[in-house]
Amino acid sequence: MWSFSDKILRRIGKISFLVFLLNISFYSIAQNGPFTQYLNNEFIINPAYAGSDDALSLTAVYRSQWSNIEGMPVSQTLSAHSLIKSQNSAMGIILNNDRIGIHKNFTALAAYSYRINFTGEKYLALGIQTGIKNIQSNYSSLLPYAQNPLDPKISSADFNLTRFEAGFGILYTSDRFNFSLSIPSYPVNGEVKTDSLTYYLDKTSVFLLSNYKITVSNNLNIYPGVLINYTKGLPVTYDANLQAEINEVLTFGVSYRHQSSINFLMQAVILPQLKIGYAFDYPTGKNSIFEKGSNELMINYIFNSKKSGIRNPR
């Protein structure tokens, strides 16, 4: 097994470690990067989805990318949201922990959404969220690989910042169609400068998500959908996905993430209020250099659901 840091440092060869350190872009894993099973936990990318399960909904997700490589991305997320007394308002929280190589992020967000109800099961929801994000980088751990490990610019390059973040989203939903637009996290400061270094932090992302329910029979529903992601300064990317729900108990899905991966998922309703899901991402395009894919496990529990029967995996 080889480490992320070893691989990078072998490739820079005769280029001095200090130049590498001064010019490296700090694009660590952002909280708003989508999980593969986001269609079953839309709240993590759009605060307007708070209360969408009409009850207290608790979801835990663990994701490990390219598991054969030491130091590659690992993420854990815990989210909860629920309607409150007015039935038109909802609140929620998101706790997220990310790690990649020498970088670590921790995010805590609180969300609020308000519904405007229309006829039938149609409504428009507006959501906002605010919180803090702690960003850490342990550059000094790379000192053994430096050409001049005594250089004070290297030994003092460690980074630790806690900043305020805010996000918002809008959602329109009916019994068959969903459309949402969101900026889950808008950082106040995108870069931080010290006397000798400039740290470039993660940039704001915009998500557009839509999916549609097609009833094939009493036992089978199909859900085609698309997620479009724009991050400032980067090309637009998209996910095209398709899920099949059988007897409102088993769900199988496949999706294509633009120039990144082909994803497969399976979810099962174990109890009327408990669902477990697993997803595997097979790397393609720019990620095809990695021998192994990514694994993702999701557990969702709804307390005292007001919906009749077993909910669909919208």
Protein backbone atom coordinates (compact mmCIF):
# COMPACT_ATOMS: atom_id res chain seq x y z
CA MET A 1 0.00 0.00 0.00
CA TRP A 2 1.38 3.40 -0.94
CA SER A 3 0.53 6.74 0.64
CA PHE A 4 -0.96 9.79 -1.00
CA SER A 5 1.93 11.98 0.19
CA ASP A 6 4.59 9.53 -1.06
CA LYS A 7 3.09 9.43 -4.55
CA ILE A 8 2.98 13.19 -4.97
CA LEU A 9 6.49 13.72 -3.65
CA ARG A 10 7.97 11.04 -5.91
CA ARG A 11 6.47 12.77 -8.94
CA ILE A 12 7.85 16.23 -8.21
CA GLY A 13 11.37 14.82 -8.50
CA LYS A 14 13.96 17.58 -8.56
CA ILE A 15 11.43 20.36 -7.98
CA SER A 16 12.04 21.70 -4.51
CA PHE A 17 9.52 20.80 -1.85
CA LEU A 18 9.26 24.45 -0.88
CA VAL A 19 8.05 25.47 -4.35
CA PHE A 20 5.54 22.66 -4.23
CA LEU A 21 4.33 23.82 -0.83
CA LEU A 22 4.00 27.45 -1.88
CA ASN A 23 1.98 26.66 -5.00
CA ILE A 24 -0.23 23.73 -3.95
CA SER A 25 -3.96 24.49 -4.19
CA PHE A 26 -5.88 23.85 -1.02
CA TYR A 27 -8.99 22.21 -2.43
CA SER A 28 -9.86 19.81 0.38
CA ILE A 29 -13.05 17.78 0.41
CA ALA A 30 -15.96 20.18 0.75
CA GLN A 31 -19.03 19.43 2.87
CA ASN A 32 -21.20 20.10 -0.13
CA GLY A 33 -19.60 17.46 -2.28
CA PRO A 34 -22.40 15.04 -3.06
CA PHE A 35 -22.55 11.50 -1.76
CA THR A 36 -23.65 8.83 -4.20
CA GLN A 37 -26.91 8.27 -2.29
CA TYR A 38 -27.91 11.94 -2.26
CA LEU A 39 -31.26 11.12 -3.93
CA ASN A 40 -32.24 9.45 -0.67
CA ASN A 41 -30.81 12.19 1.52
CA GLU A 42 -31.30 15.42 -0.43
CA PHE A 43 -31.11 17.46 2.76
CA ILE A 44 -27.29 17.28 2.74
CA ILE A 45 -27.15 19.41 -0.44
CA ASN A 46 -30.28 21.56 0.01
CA PRO A 47 -31.68 22.92 3.32
CA ALA A 48 -35.12 23.33 1.68
CA TYR A 49 -35.55 19.54 2.01
CA ALA A 50 -35.76 19.87 5.81
CA GLY A 51 -39.05 18.30 6.91
CA SER A 52 -39.57 16.49 3.60
CA ASP A 53 -40.15 13.18 5.42
CA ASP A 54 -42.97 14.74 7.50
CA ALA A 55 -41.34 13.41 10.68
CA LEU A 56 -38.01 13.37 12.50
CA SER A 57 -35.57 11.79 10.03
CA LEU A 58 -32.07 10.73 11.11
CA THR A 59 -29.43 9.71 8.54
CA ALA A 60 -25.81 8.57 8.94
CA VAL A 61 -23.45 8.15 5.97
CA TYR A 62 -19.90 6.77 5.82
CA ARG A 63 -17.91 7.08 2.60
CA SER A 64 -14.41 5.82 1.76
CA GLN A 65 -12.92 6.67 -1.65
CA TRP A 66 -10.23 4.65 -3.45
CA SER A 67 -9.78 2.39 -0.44
CA ASN A 68 -6.51 0.83 -1.64
CA ILE A 69 -4.64 4.15 -1.24
CA GLU A 70 -3.53 5.38 2.15
CA GLY A 71 -4.62 8.93 2.93
CA MET A 72 -7.40 9.14 0.34
CA PRO A 73 -10.79 10.76 1.11
CA VAL A 74 -12.93 9.53 3.99
CA SER A 75 -16.19 11.26 4.98
CA GLN A 76 -18.75 10.79 7.76
CA THR A 77 -22.02 12.72 7.90
CA LEU A 78 -24.83 12.76 10.45
CA SER A 79 -27.98 14.71 9.59
CA ALA A 80 -31.39 15.15 11.22
CA HIS A 81 -34.43 17.19 10.23
CA SER A 82 -38.09 17.42 11.15
CA LEU A 83 -41.24 19.47 10.75
CA ILE A 84 -42.07 21.65 13.74
CA LYS A 85 -45.46 22.52 15.22
CA SER A 86 -46.69 24.78 12.43
CA GLN A 87 -46.35 21.90 9.89
CA ASN A 88 -45.15 24.52 7.38
CA SER A 89 -41.78 25.01 9.05
CA ALA A 90 -38.93 22.59 9.61
CA MET A 91 -35.50 22.56 11.21
CA GLY A 92 -32.44 20.38 10.84
CA ILE A 93 -28.74 19.93 11.58
CA ILE A 94 -25.79 18.54 9.64
CA LEU A 95 -22.50 17.36 11.13
CA ASN A 96 -19.81 16.43 8.64
CA ASN A 97 -16.24 15.21 9.02
CA ASP A 98 -13.86 14.91 6.03
CA ARG A 99 -10.27 13.73 5.79
CA ILE A 100 -7.88 13.53 2.83
CA GLY A 101 -4.16 13.06 3.37
CA ILE A 102 -2.88 15.82 5.63
CA HIS A 103 -6.17 17.80 5.42
CA LYS A 104 -9.16 17.58 7.80
CA ASN A 105 -12.48 19.43 7.76
CA PHE A 106 -15.31 19.50 10.29
CA THR A 107 -18.60 21.27 9.53
CA ALA A 108 -21.64 21.93 11.75
CA LEU A 109 -24.73 23.52 10.19
CA ALA A 110 -28.24 24.36 11.41
CA ALA A 111 -31.03 24.66 8.82
CA TYR A 112 -34.54 26.10 8.61
CA SER A 113 -37.12 25.71 5.84
CA TYR A 114 -40.60 27.09 5.20
CA ARG A 115 -43.28 25.54 2.98
CA ILE A 116 -45.86 27.19 0.78
CA ASN A 117 -48.51 24.53 0.15
CA PHE A 118 -50.47 24.19 -3.08
CA THR A 119 -53.25 21.79 -4.03
CA GLY A 120 -52.66 18.07 -3.67
CA GLU A 121 -49.16 17.10 -2.56
CA LYS A 122 -47.48 20.06 -4.24
CA TYR A 123 -45.50 22.63 -2.29
CA LEU A 124 -42.67 25.12 -2.60
CA ALA A 125 -40.03 25.21 0.13
CA LEU A 126 -37.38 27.82 0.90
CA GLY A 127 -34.44 26.90 3.11
CA ILE A 128 -31.44 28.55 4.74
CA GLN A 129 -28.59 27.18 6.85
CA THR A 130 -25.71 28.64 8.82
CA GLY A 131 -22.85 27.24 10.81
CA ILE A 132 -19.11 26.88 11.16
CA LYS A 133 -16.37 24.96 9.39
CA ASN A 134 -12.98 24.06 10.84
CA ILE A 135 -10.18 23.46 8.32
CA GLN A 136 -6.84 21.90 9.30
CA SER A 137 -3.74 21.03 7.29
CA ASN A 138 -0.74 19.30 8.86
CA TYR A 139 2.00 20.24 6.35
CA SER A 140 4.75 19.68 8.92
CA SER A 141 4.05 15.93 8.71
CA LEU A 142 5.71 16.06 5.25
CA LEU A 143 9.02 17.35 6.67
CA PRO A 144 10.82 13.99 6.27
CA TYR A 145 10.41 14.39 2.48
CA ALA A 146 11.67 17.97 2.25
CA GLN A 147 15.04 18.89 0.72
CA ASN A 148 15.58 21.35 3.55
CA PRO A 149 13.49 20.23 6.53
CA LEU A 150 14.99 22.98 8.71
CA ASP A 151 13.49 25.75 6.58
CA PRO A 152 11.15 27.71 8.94
CA LYS A 153 8.67 28.31 6.09
CA ILE A 154 8.04 24.58 5.97
CA SER A 155 7.90 23.87 9.69
CA SER A 156 5.46 26.77 10.22
CA ALA A 157 3.15 25.92 7.32
CA ASP A 158 0.51 24.10 9.41
CA PHE A 159 -2.94 25.58 8.96
CA ASN A 160 -5.96 25.77 11.28
CA LEU A 161 -8.96 27.99 10.55
CA THR A 162 -12.56 28.13 11.78
CA ARG A 163 -14.89 30.20 9.61
CA PHE A 164 -18.58 31.06 9.30
CA GLU A 165 -20.61 29.59 6.44
CA ALA A 166 -24.14 30.06 5.15
CA GLY A 167 -26.24 28.44 2.44
CA PHE A 168 -29.71 28.48 0.96
CA GLY A 169 -31.96 26.44 -1.30
CA ILE A 170 -35.32 26.27 -3.01
CA LEU A 171 -37.45 23.18 -3.70
CA TYR A 172 -40.59 22.50 -5.68
CA THR A 173 -42.11 19.05 -5.23
CA SER A 174 -45.21 17.12 -6.18
CA ASP A 175 -46.23 13.47 -5.95
CA ARG A 176 -44.14 12.73 -9.09
CA PHE A 177 -41.75 15.59 -9.80
CA ASN A 178 -39.00 17.34 -7.82
CA PHE A 179 -36.88 20.31 -8.76
CA SER A 180 -34.38 22.07 -6.51
CA LEU A 181 -31.62 24.68 -6.69
CA SER A 182 -29.15 25.23 -3.86
CA ILE A 183 -25.90 26.72 -2.65
CA PRO A 184 -25.31 24.54 0.44
CA SER A 185 -22.25 26.45 1.62
CA TYR A 186 -21.14 29.97 0.86
CA PRO A 187 -17.80 30.64 2.60
CA VAL A 188 -17.12 34.16 3.74
CA ASN A 189 -13.42 33.95 2.86
CA GLY A 190 -12.06 31.89 -0.05
CA GLU A 191 -8.38 32.38 0.68
CA VAL A 192 -6.16 33.18 3.62
CA LYS A 193 -2.78 34.90 3.42
CA THR A 194 0.06 34.80 5.92
CA ASP A 195 3.48 36.46 5.82
CA SER A 196 4.87 33.81 3.47
CA LEU A 197 2.01 31.61 2.25
CA THR A 198 -1.41 31.82 0.63
CA TYR A 199 -3.97 29.09 1.38
CA TYR A 200 -6.71 28.60 -1.23
CA LEU A 201 -9.85 27.16 0.35
CA ASP A 202 -12.77 25.28 -1.18
CA LYS A 203 -15.01 27.28 -3.50
CA THR A 204 -18.77 27.80 -3.59
CA SER A 205 -20.80 25.16 -5.45
CA VAL A 206 -24.26 25.45 -7.01
CA PHE A 207 -26.46 22.34 -7.31
CA LEU A 208 -29.46 21.84 -9.57
CA LEU A 209 -31.32 18.60 -8.89
CA SER A 210 -34.39 17.15 -10.60
CA ASN A 211 -36.04 13.73 -10.75
CA TYR A 212 -39.32 12.21 -11.86
CA LYS A 213 -41.38 9.22 -10.73
CA ILE A 214 -42.65 6.80 -13.39
CA THR A 215 -45.13 4.16 -12.20
CA VAL A 216 -44.59 1.05 -14.31
CA SER A 217 -46.88 -1.23 -12.30
CA ASN A 218 -48.27 -1.65 -8.81
CA ASN A 219 -44.95 -3.20 -7.78
CA LEU A 220 -42.44 -1.13 -9.74
CA ASN A 221 -41.54 2.57 -9.82
CA ILE A 222 -38.74 4.11 -11.89
CA TYR A 223 -36.95 7.33 -10.91
CA PRO A 224 -34.80 9.00 -13.59
CA GLY A 225 -32.94 12.12 -12.46
CA VAL A 226 -30.06 14.50 -13.00
CA LEU A 227 -27.78 16.56 -10.76
CA ILE A 228 -25.83 19.47 -12.24
CA ASN A 229 -22.97 20.94 -10.22
CA TYR A 230 -21.19 24.23 -10.93
CA THR A 231 -18.17 25.28 -8.88
CA LYS A 232 -16.61 28.67 -9.55
CA GLY A 233 -13.52 28.36 -11.72
CA LEU A 234 -14.15 24.72 -12.60
CA PRO A 235 -16.01 22.98 -15.45
CA VAL A 236 -19.69 22.15 -14.99
CA THR A 237 -20.22 18.50 -14.00
CA TYR A 238 -23.33 16.35 -13.85
CA ASP A 239 -24.75 13.07 -12.55
CA ALA A 240 -27.30 11.16 -14.65
CA ASN A 241 -29.05 8.56 -12.54
CA LEU A 242 -31.79 5.93 -12.66
CA GLN A 243 -33.37 4.09 -9.73
CA ALA A 244 -35.89 1.25 -9.66
CA GLU A 245 -38.07 0.65 -6.59
CA ILE A 246 -39.59 -2.82 -6.17
CA ASN A 247 -42.59 -3.30 -3.86
CA GLU A 248 -41.54 -0.13 -1.99
CA VAL A 249 -38.95 -2.30 -0.23
CA LEU A 250 -35.93 -2.80 -2.51
CA THR A 251 -34.23 -0.11 -4.57
CA PHE A 252 -31.54 -0.64 -7.20
CA GLY A 253 -29.80 2.24 -8.94
CA VAL A 254 -27.09 3.21 -11.37
CA SER A 255 -25.63 6.61 -12.19
CA TYR A 256 -22.90 8.19 -14.27
CA ARG A 257 -20.83 10.98 -12.74
CA HIS A 258 -19.27 13.06 -15.51
CA GLN A 259 -15.62 12.07 -16.11
CA SER A 260 -15.44 10.62 -12.63
CA SER A 261 -17.26 7.32 -11.99
CA ILE A 262 -20.05 4.87 -12.71
CA ASN A 263 -22.03 4.29 -9.52
CA PHE A 264 -24.19 1.40 -8.33
CA LEU A 265 -26.45 1.37 -5.28
CA MET A 266 -28.81 -0.94 -3.46
CA GLN A 267 -31.16 -0.03 -0.62
CA ALA A 268 -33.51 -2.11 1.50
CA VAL A 269 -36.31 -1.16 3.87
CA ILE A 270 -35.62 -3.41 6.86
CA LEU A 271 -38.48 -2.02 8.96
CA PRO A 272 -41.20 0.47 7.99
CA GLN A 273 -39.05 3.22 9.53
CA LEU A 274 -35.54 1.84 8.92
CA LYS A 275 -33.65 1.79 5.61
CA ILE A 276 -30.08 0.70 4.87
CA GLY A 277 -28.22 1.49 1.67
CA TYR A 278 -24.88 0.64 0.06
CA ALA A 279 -23.22 2.27 -2.95
CA PHE A 280 -20.11 1.45 -4.94
CA ASP A 281 -18.40 3.91 -7.30
CA TYR A 282 -16.23 2.53 -10.09
CA PRO A 283 -13.68 5.19 -11.12
CA THR A 284 -13.58 6.37 -14.75
CA GLY A 285 -12.06 9.27 -16.68
CA LYS A 286 -9.70 11.35 -14.56
CA ASN A 287 -10.12 8.93 -11.63
CA SER A 288 -9.34 5.75 -13.60
CA ILE A 289 -5.75 5.78 -12.32
CA PHE A 290 -7.09 4.48 -9.01
CA GLU A 291 -7.31 0.69 -8.90
CA LYS A 292 -10.25 0.44 -6.53
CA GLY A 293 -13.53 2.28 -6.26
CA SER A 294 -15.37 4.01 -3.43
CA ASN A 295 -17.67 2.48 -0.84
CA GLU A 296 -20.58 4.23 0.85
CA LEU A 297 -22.92 3.04 3.59
CA MET A 298 -26.12 4.85 4.59
CA ILE A 299 -28.55 4.22 7.47
CA ASN A 300 -31.82 6.16 7.70
CA TYR A 301 -34.41 6.03 10.48
CA ILE A 302 -37.70 7.96 10.63
CA PHE A 303 -39.38 8.46 13.99
CA ASN A 304 -43.19 8.29 14.15
CA SER A 305 -43.69 8.71 10.41
CA LYS A 306 -47.02 10.27 9.51
CA LYS A 307 -46.92 8.90 5.98
CA SER A 308 -48.96 5.80 5.27
CA GLY A 309 -47.08 2.66 4.32
CA ILE A 310 -43.39 2.60 3.47
CA ARG A 311 -42.08 5.83 1.98
CA ASN A 312 -40.57 5.87 -1.45
CA PRO A 313 -36.84 6.56 -2.02
CA ARG A 314 -37.40 9.82 -3.91
